[in-house]
Amino acid sequence: MKNILHILRAERRFSQEDLAKLLDVSRQTVNAIEREKYDPSLPLALKIAKVFDKKVEEIFFFDSHK
């Protein structure tokens, strides 16, 4: 699954550590999500969407070209 988390985080000037603390996860989890090595659980995806005031599908999406 693709995502724009790194863009949203940069726009807010959050470090990965800052975002991790807001989400109550490790910095490594944020890094893995951004690198598309890990898909967050639904509750975590909802938390991320709430932090950025976005819909989940505005942040996470499938690449239809694969």
PDB file of N, CA and C in Angstrom:
ATOM      1  N   MET A   1       0.842  -1.171   0.000  1.00  0.00           N
ATOM      2  CA  MET A   1       0.000   0.000   0.000  1.00  0.00           C
ATOM      3  C   MET A   1       0.898   1.248   0.000  1.00  0.00           C
ATOM      4  N   LYS A   2       0.539   2.204  -0.804  1.00  0.00           N
ATOM      5  CA  LYS A   2       1.271   3.468  -0.901  1.00  0.00           C
ATOM      6  C   LYS A   2       0.741   4.446   0.142  1.00  0.00           C
ATOM      7  N   ASN A   3       1.556   5.464   0.459  1.00  0.00           N
ATOM      8  CA  ASN A   3       1.089   6.492   1.383  1.00  0.00           C
ATOM      9  C   ASN A   3       1.858   7.784   1.182  1.00  0.00           C
ATOM     10  N   ILE A   4       1.295   8.855   1.716  1.00  0.00           N
ATOM     11  CA  ILE A   4       1.942  10.167   1.640  1.00  0.00           C
ATOM     12  C   ILE A   4       2.319  10.663   3.036  1.00  0.00           C
ATOM     13  N   LEU A   5       2.541   9.735   3.945  1.00  0.00           N
ATOM     14  CA  LEU A   5       2.822  10.104   5.326  1.00  0.00           C
ATOM     15  C   LEU A   5       4.053  11.002   5.445  1.00  0.00           C
ATOM     16  N   HIS A   6       5.107  10.694   4.719  1.00  0.00           N
ATOM     17  CA  HIS A   6       6.329  11.511   4.819  1.00  0.00           C
ATOM     18  C   HIS A   6       6.083  12.953   4.370  1.00  0.00           C
ATOM     19  N   ILE A   7       5.211  13.132   3.403  1.00  0.00           N
ATOM     20  CA  ILE A   7       4.879  14.486   2.925  1.00  0.00           C
ATOM     21  C   ILE A   7       4.099  15.240   3.998  1.00  0.00           C
ATOM     22  N   LEU A   8       3.089  14.592   4.553  1.00  0.00           N
ATOM     23  CA  LEU A   8       2.280  15.237   5.589  1.00  0.00           C
ATOM     24  C   LEU A   8       3.132  15.572   6.812  1.00  0.00           C
ATOM     25  N   ARG A   9       4.013  14.659   7.166  1.00  0.00           N
ATOM     26  CA  ARG A   9       4.881  14.884   8.322  1.00  0.00           C
ATOM     27  C   ARG A   9       5.808  16.075   8.072  1.00  0.00           C
ATOM     28  N   ALA A  10       6.364  16.155   6.877  1.00  0.00           N
ATOM     29  CA  ALA A  10       7.262  17.264   6.531  1.00  0.00           C
ATOM     30  C   ALA A  10       6.516  18.599   6.532  1.00  0.00           C
ATOM     31  N   GLU A  11       5.289  18.593   6.034  1.00  0.00           N
ATOM     32  CA  GLU A  11       4.492  19.824   6.014  1.00  0.00           C
ATOM     33  C   GLU A  11       4.259  20.361   7.429  1.00  0.00           C
ATOM     34  N   ARG A  12       4.109  19.469   8.375  1.00  0.00           N
ATOM     35  CA  ARG A  12       3.889  19.865   9.770  1.00  0.00           C
ATOM     36  C   ARG A  12       5.213  20.065  10.520  1.00  0.00           C
ATOM     37  N   ARG A  13       6.305  19.781   9.842  1.00  0.00           N
ATOM     38  CA  ARG A  13       7.646  19.879  10.444  1.00  0.00           C
ATOM     39  C   ARG A  13       7.784  18.968  11.667  1.00  0.00           C
ATOM     40  N   PHE A  14       7.158  17.789  11.580  1.00  0.00           N
ATOM     41  CA  PHE A  14       7.293  16.775  12.622  1.00  0.00           C
ATOM     42  C   PHE A  14       8.489  15.904  12.281  1.00  0.00           C
ATOM     43  N   SER A  15       9.276  15.548  13.273  1.00  0.00           N
ATOM     44  CA  SER A  15      10.269  14.500  13.080  1.00  0.00           C
ATOM     45  C   SER A  15       9.530  13.163  13.166  1.00  0.00           C
ATOM     46  N   GLN A  16      10.197  12.094  12.769  1.00  0.00           N
ATOM     47  CA  GLN A  16       9.569  10.781  12.930  1.00  0.00           C
ATOM     48  C   GLN A  16       9.306  10.520  14.409  1.00  0.00           C
ATOM     49  N   GLU A  17      10.213  10.960  15.259  1.00  0.00           N
ATOM     50  CA  GLU A  17      10.046  10.791  16.703  1.00  0.00           C
ATOM     51  C   GLU A  17       8.834  11.570  17.215  1.00  0.00           C
ATOM     52  N   ASP A  18       8.653  12.805  16.736  1.00  0.00           N
ATOM     53  CA  ASP A  18       7.487  13.611  17.131  1.00  0.00           C
ATOM     54  C   ASP A  18       6.197  12.876  16.797  1.00  0.00           C
ATOM     55  N   LEU A  19       6.117  12.385  15.566  1.00  0.00           N
ATOM     56  CA  LEU A  19       4.896  11.700  15.126  1.00  0.00           C
ATOM     57  C   LEU A  19       4.702  10.407  15.905  1.00  0.00           C
ATOM     58  N   ALA A  20       5.776   9.692  16.127  1.00  0.00           N
ATOM     59  CA  ALA A  20       5.697   8.438  16.883  1.00  0.00           C
ATOM     60  C   ALA A  20       5.102   8.677  18.270  1.00  0.00           C
ATOM     61  N   LYS A  21       5.534   9.747  18.922  1.00  0.00           N
ATOM     62  CA  LYS A  21       5.006  10.056  20.261  1.00  0.00           C
ATOM     63  C   LYS A  21       3.511  10.373  20.201  1.00  0.00           C
ATOM     64  N   LEU A  22       3.090  11.119  19.188  1.00  0.00           N
ATOM     65  CA  LEU A  22       1.664  11.437  19.040  1.00  0.00           C
ATOM     66  C   LEU A  22       0.825  10.182  18.817  1.00  0.00           C
ATOM     67  N   LEU A  23       1.411   9.216  18.119  1.00  0.00           N
ATOM     68  CA  LEU A  23       0.688   7.990  17.763  1.00  0.00           C
ATOM     69  C   LEU A  23       0.875   6.868  18.784  1.00  0.00           C
ATOM     70  N   ASP A  24       1.774   7.094  19.743  1.00  0.00           N
ATOM     71  CA  ASP A  24       2.103   6.069  20.743  1.00  0.00           C
ATOM     72  C   ASP A  24       2.662   4.801  20.092  1.00  0.00           C
ATOM     73  N   VAL A  25       3.587   5.008  19.144  1.00  0.00           N
ATOM     74  CA  VAL A  25       4.306   3.911  18.496  1.00  0.00           C
ATOM     75  C   VAL A  25       5.796   4.269  18.487  1.00  0.00           C
ATOM     76  N   SER A  26       6.624   3.363  18.017  1.00  0.00           N
ATOM     77  CA  SER A  26       8.061   3.645  17.943  1.00  0.00           C
ATOM     78  C   SER A  26       8.391   4.459  16.689  1.00  0.00           C
ATOM     79  N   ARG A  27       9.533   5.129  16.739  1.00  0.00           N
ATOM     80  CA  ARG A  27      10.009   5.849  15.563  1.00  0.00           C
ATOM     81  C   ARG A  27      10.224   4.872  14.415  1.00  0.00           C
ATOM     82  N   GLN A  28      10.657   3.659  14.727  1.00  0.00           N
ATOM     83  CA  GLN A  28      10.885   2.641  13.705  1.00  0.00           C
ATOM     84  C   GLN A  28       9.587   2.268  12.994  1.00  0.00           C
ATOM     85  N   THR A  29       8.480   2.281  13.712  1.00  0.00           N
ATOM     86  CA  THR A  29       7.179   1.999  13.093  1.00  0.00           C
ATOM     87  C   THR A  29       6.826   3.085  12.089  1.00  0.00           C
ATOM     88  N   VAL A  30       7.013   4.341  12.482  1.00  0.00           N
ATOM     89  CA  VAL A  30       6.743   5.447  11.559  1.00  0.00           C
ATOM     90  C   VAL A  30       7.628   5.321  10.329  1.00  0.00           C
ATOM     91  N   ASN A  31       8.906   5.017  10.537  1.00  0.00           N
ATOM     92  CA  ASN A  31       9.841   4.859   9.422  1.00  0.00           C
ATOM     93  C   ASN A  31       9.397   3.731   8.487  1.00  0.00           C
ATOM     94  N   ALA A  32       8.994   2.611   9.049  1.00  0.00           N
ATOM     95  CA  ALA A  32       8.574   1.467   8.233  1.00  0.00           C
ATOM     96  C   ALA A  32       7.311   1.784   7.434  1.00  0.00           C
ATOM     97  N   ILE A  33       6.379   2.519   8.026  1.00  0.00           N
ATOM     98  CA  ILE A  33       5.162   2.915   7.302  1.00  0.00           C
ATOM     99  C   ILE A  33       5.535   3.842   6.153  1.00  0.00           C
ATOM    100  N   GLU A  34       6.379   4.832   6.439  1.00  0.00           N
ATOM    101  CA  GLU A  34       6.785   5.780   5.396  1.00  0.00           C
ATOM    102  C   GLU A  34       7.514   5.085   4.246  1.00  0.00           C
ATOM    103  N   ARG A  35       8.307   4.085   4.553  1.00  0.00           N
ATOM    104  CA  ARG A  35       9.064   3.364   3.521  1.00  0.00           C
ATOM    105  C   ARG A  35       8.226   2.276   2.849  1.00  0.00           C
ATOM    106  N   GLU A  36       6.959   2.185   3.274  1.00  0.00           N
ATOM    107  CA  GLU A  36       6.001   1.221   2.717  1.00  0.00           C
ATOM    108  C   GLU A  36       6.445  -0.213   2.928  1.00  0.00           C
ATOM    109  N   LYS A  37       7.117  -0.427   4.072  1.00  0.00           N
ATOM    110  CA  LYS A  37       7.546  -1.770   4.474  1.00  0.00           C
ATOM    111  C   LYS A  37       6.571  -2.377   5.472  1.00  0.00           C
ATOM    112  N   TYR A  38       5.654  -1.537   5.962  1.00  0.00           N
ATOM    113  CA  TYR A  38       4.689  -1.973   6.972  1.00  0.00           C
ATOM    114  C   TYR A  38       3.382  -1.233   6.748  1.00  0.00           C
ATOM    115  N   ASP A  39       2.282  -1.984   6.698  1.00  0.00           N
ATOM    116  CA  ASP A  39       0.949  -1.388   6.592  1.00  0.00           C
ATOM    117  C   ASP A  39       0.371  -1.283   8.001  1.00  0.00           C
ATOM    118  N   PRO A  40      -0.056  -0.085   8.402  1.00  0.00           N
ATOM    119  CA  PRO A  40      -0.577   0.068   9.765  1.00  0.00           C
ATOM    120  C   PRO A  40      -1.911  -0.651   9.937  1.00  0.00           C
ATOM    121  N   SER A  41      -2.184  -1.004  11.177  1.00  0.00           N
ATOM    122  CA  SER A  41      -3.498  -1.563  11.506  1.00  0.00           C
ATOM    123  C   SER A  41      -4.551  -0.484  11.269  1.00  0.00           C
ATOM    124  N   LEU A  42      -5.792  -0.884  11.200  1.00  0.00           N
ATOM    125  CA  LEU A  42      -6.869   0.091  11.013  1.00  0.00           C
ATOM    126  C   LEU A  42      -6.897   1.116  12.144  1.00  0.00           C
ATOM    127  N   PRO A  43      -6.808   0.698  13.413  1.00  0.00           N
ATOM    128  CA  PRO A  43      -6.799   1.713  14.473  1.00  0.00           C
ATOM    129  C   PRO A  43      -5.634   2.710  14.338  1.00  0.00           C
ATOM    130  N   LEU A  44      -4.468   2.230  13.948  1.00  0.00           N
ATOM    131  CA  LEU A  44      -3.326   3.132  13.771  1.00  0.00           C
ATOM    132  C   LEU A  44      -3.541   4.043  12.567  1.00  0.00           C
ATOM    133  N   ALA A  45      -4.064   3.520  11.487  1.00  0.00           N
ATOM    134  CA  ALA A  45      -4.347   4.348  10.305  1.00  0.00           C
ATOM    135  C   ALA A  45      -5.358   5.446  10.656  1.00  0.00           C
ATOM    136  N   LEU A  46      -6.332   5.117  11.479  1.00  0.00           N
ATOM    137  CA  LEU A  46      -7.322   6.112  11.901  1.00  0.00           C
ATOM    138  C   LEU A  46      -6.680   7.186  12.779  1.00  0.00           C
ATOM    139  N   LYS A  47      -5.757   6.787  13.654  1.00  0.00           N
ATOM    140  CA  LYS A  47      -5.034   7.758  14.487  1.00  0.00           C
ATOM    141  C   LYS A  47      -4.222   8.708  13.611  1.00  0.00           C
ATOM    142  N   ILE A  48      -3.548   8.142  12.619  1.00  0.00           N
ATOM    143  CA  ILE A  48      -2.731   8.956  11.705  1.00  0.00           C
ATOM    144  C   ILE A  48      -3.621   9.965  10.984  1.00  0.00           C
ATOM    145  N   ALA A  49      -4.750   9.485  10.485  1.00  0.00           N
ATOM    146  CA  ALA A  49      -5.685  10.377   9.779  1.00  0.00           C
ATOM    147  C   ALA A  49      -6.160  11.502  10.693  1.00  0.00           C
ATOM    148  N   LYS A  50      -6.427  11.185  11.937  1.00  0.00           N
ATOM    149  CA  LYS A  50      -6.895  12.200  12.888  1.00  0.00           C
ATOM    150  C   LYS A  50      -5.814  13.247  13.147  1.00  0.00           C
ATOM    151  N   VAL A  51      -4.571  12.813  13.312  1.00  0.00           N
ATOM    152  CA  VAL A  51      -3.465  13.750  13.554  1.00  0.00           C
ATOM    153  C   VAL A  51      -3.367  14.771  12.423  1.00  0.00           C
ATOM    154  N   PHE A  52      -3.553  14.309  11.193  1.00  0.00           N
ATOM    155  CA  PHE A  52      -3.398  15.188  10.032  1.00  0.00           C
ATOM    156  C   PHE A  52      -4.720  15.749   9.509  1.00  0.00           C
ATOM    157  N   ASP A  53      -5.819  15.470  10.210  1.00  0.00           N
ATOM    158  CA  ASP A  53      -7.144  15.948   9.819  1.00  0.00           C
ATOM    159  C   ASP A  53      -7.459  15.578   8.366  1.00  0.00           C
ATOM    160  N   LYS A  54      -7.226  14.312   8.056  1.00  0.00           N
ATOM    161  CA  LYS A  54      -7.476  13.771   6.713  1.00  0.00           C
ATOM    162  C   LYS A  54      -8.291  12.495   6.834  1.00  0.00           C
ATOM    163  N   LYS A  55      -8.844  12.067   5.721  1.00  0.00           N
ATOM    164  CA  LYS A  55      -9.473  10.749   5.645  1.00  0.00           C
ATOM    165  C   LYS A  55      -8.367   9.723   5.429  1.00  0.00           C
ATOM    166  N   VAL A  56      -8.569   8.514   5.934  1.00  0.00           N
ATOM    167  CA  VAL A  56      -7.575   7.449   5.770  1.00  0.00           C
ATOM    168  C   VAL A  56      -7.202   7.275   4.306  1.00  0.00           C
ATOM    169  N   GLU A  57      -8.208   7.307   3.424  1.00  0.00           N
ATOM    170  CA  GLU A  57      -7.949   7.073   2.003  1.00  0.00           C
ATOM    171  C   GLU A  57      -7.231   8.239   1.321  1.00  0.00           C
ATOM    172  N   GLU A  58      -7.116   9.370   2.002  1.00  0.00           N
ATOM    173  CA  GLU A  58      -6.318  10.479   1.481  1.00  0.00           C
ATOM    174  C   GLU A  58      -4.831  10.279   1.787  1.00  0.00           C
ATOM    175  N   ILE A  59      -4.541   9.422   2.748  1.00  0.00           N
ATOM    176  CA  ILE A  59      -3.159   9.166   3.159  1.00  0.00           C
ATOM    177  C   ILE A  59      -2.656   7.838   2.612  1.00  0.00           C
ATOM    178  N   PHE A  60      -3.491   6.829   2.645  1.00  0.00           N
ATOM    179  CA  PHE A  60      -3.124   5.470   2.226  1.00  0.00           C
ATOM    180  C   PHE A  60      -3.941   5.083   1.000  1.00  0.00           C
ATOM    181  N   PHE A  61      -3.284   4.475   0.026  1.00  0.00           N
ATOM    182  CA  PHE A  61      -3.978   4.082  -1.201  1.00  0.00           C
ATOM    183  C   PHE A  61      -3.219   2.949  -1.878  1.00  0.00           C
ATOM    184  N   PHE A  62      -3.911   2.240  -2.730  1.00  0.00           N
ATOM    185  CA  PHE A  62      -3.297   1.163  -3.503  1.00  0.00           C
ATOM    186  C   PHE A  62      -2.752   1.722  -4.812  1.00  0.00           C
ATOM    187  N   ASP A  63      -1.621   1.215  -5.218  1.00  0.00           N
ATOM    188  CA  ASP A  63      -1.025   1.585  -6.503  1.00  0.00           C
ATOM    189  C   ASP A  63      -1.675   0.697  -7.558  1.00  0.00           C
ATOM    190  N   SER A  64      -2.518   1.263  -8.381  1.00  0.00           N
ATOM    191  CA  SER A  64      -3.258   0.481  -9.380  1.00  0.00           C
ATOM    192  C   SER A  64      -2.385   0.045 -10.544  1.00  0.00           C
ATOM    193  N   HIS A  65      -1.144   0.486 -10.584  1.00  0.00           N
ATOM    194  CA  HIS A  65      -0.227   0.124 -11.668  1.00  0.00           C
ATOM    195  C   HIS A  65       0.582  -1.119 -11.386  1.00  0.00           C
ATOM    196  N   LYS A  66       0.281  -1.806 -10.302  1.00  0.00           N
ATOM    197  CA  LYS A  66       1.035  -3.014  -9.965  1.00  0.00           C
ATOM    198  C   LYS A  66       0.237  -4.245 -10.294  1.00  0.00           C
TER     199      LYS A  66
END
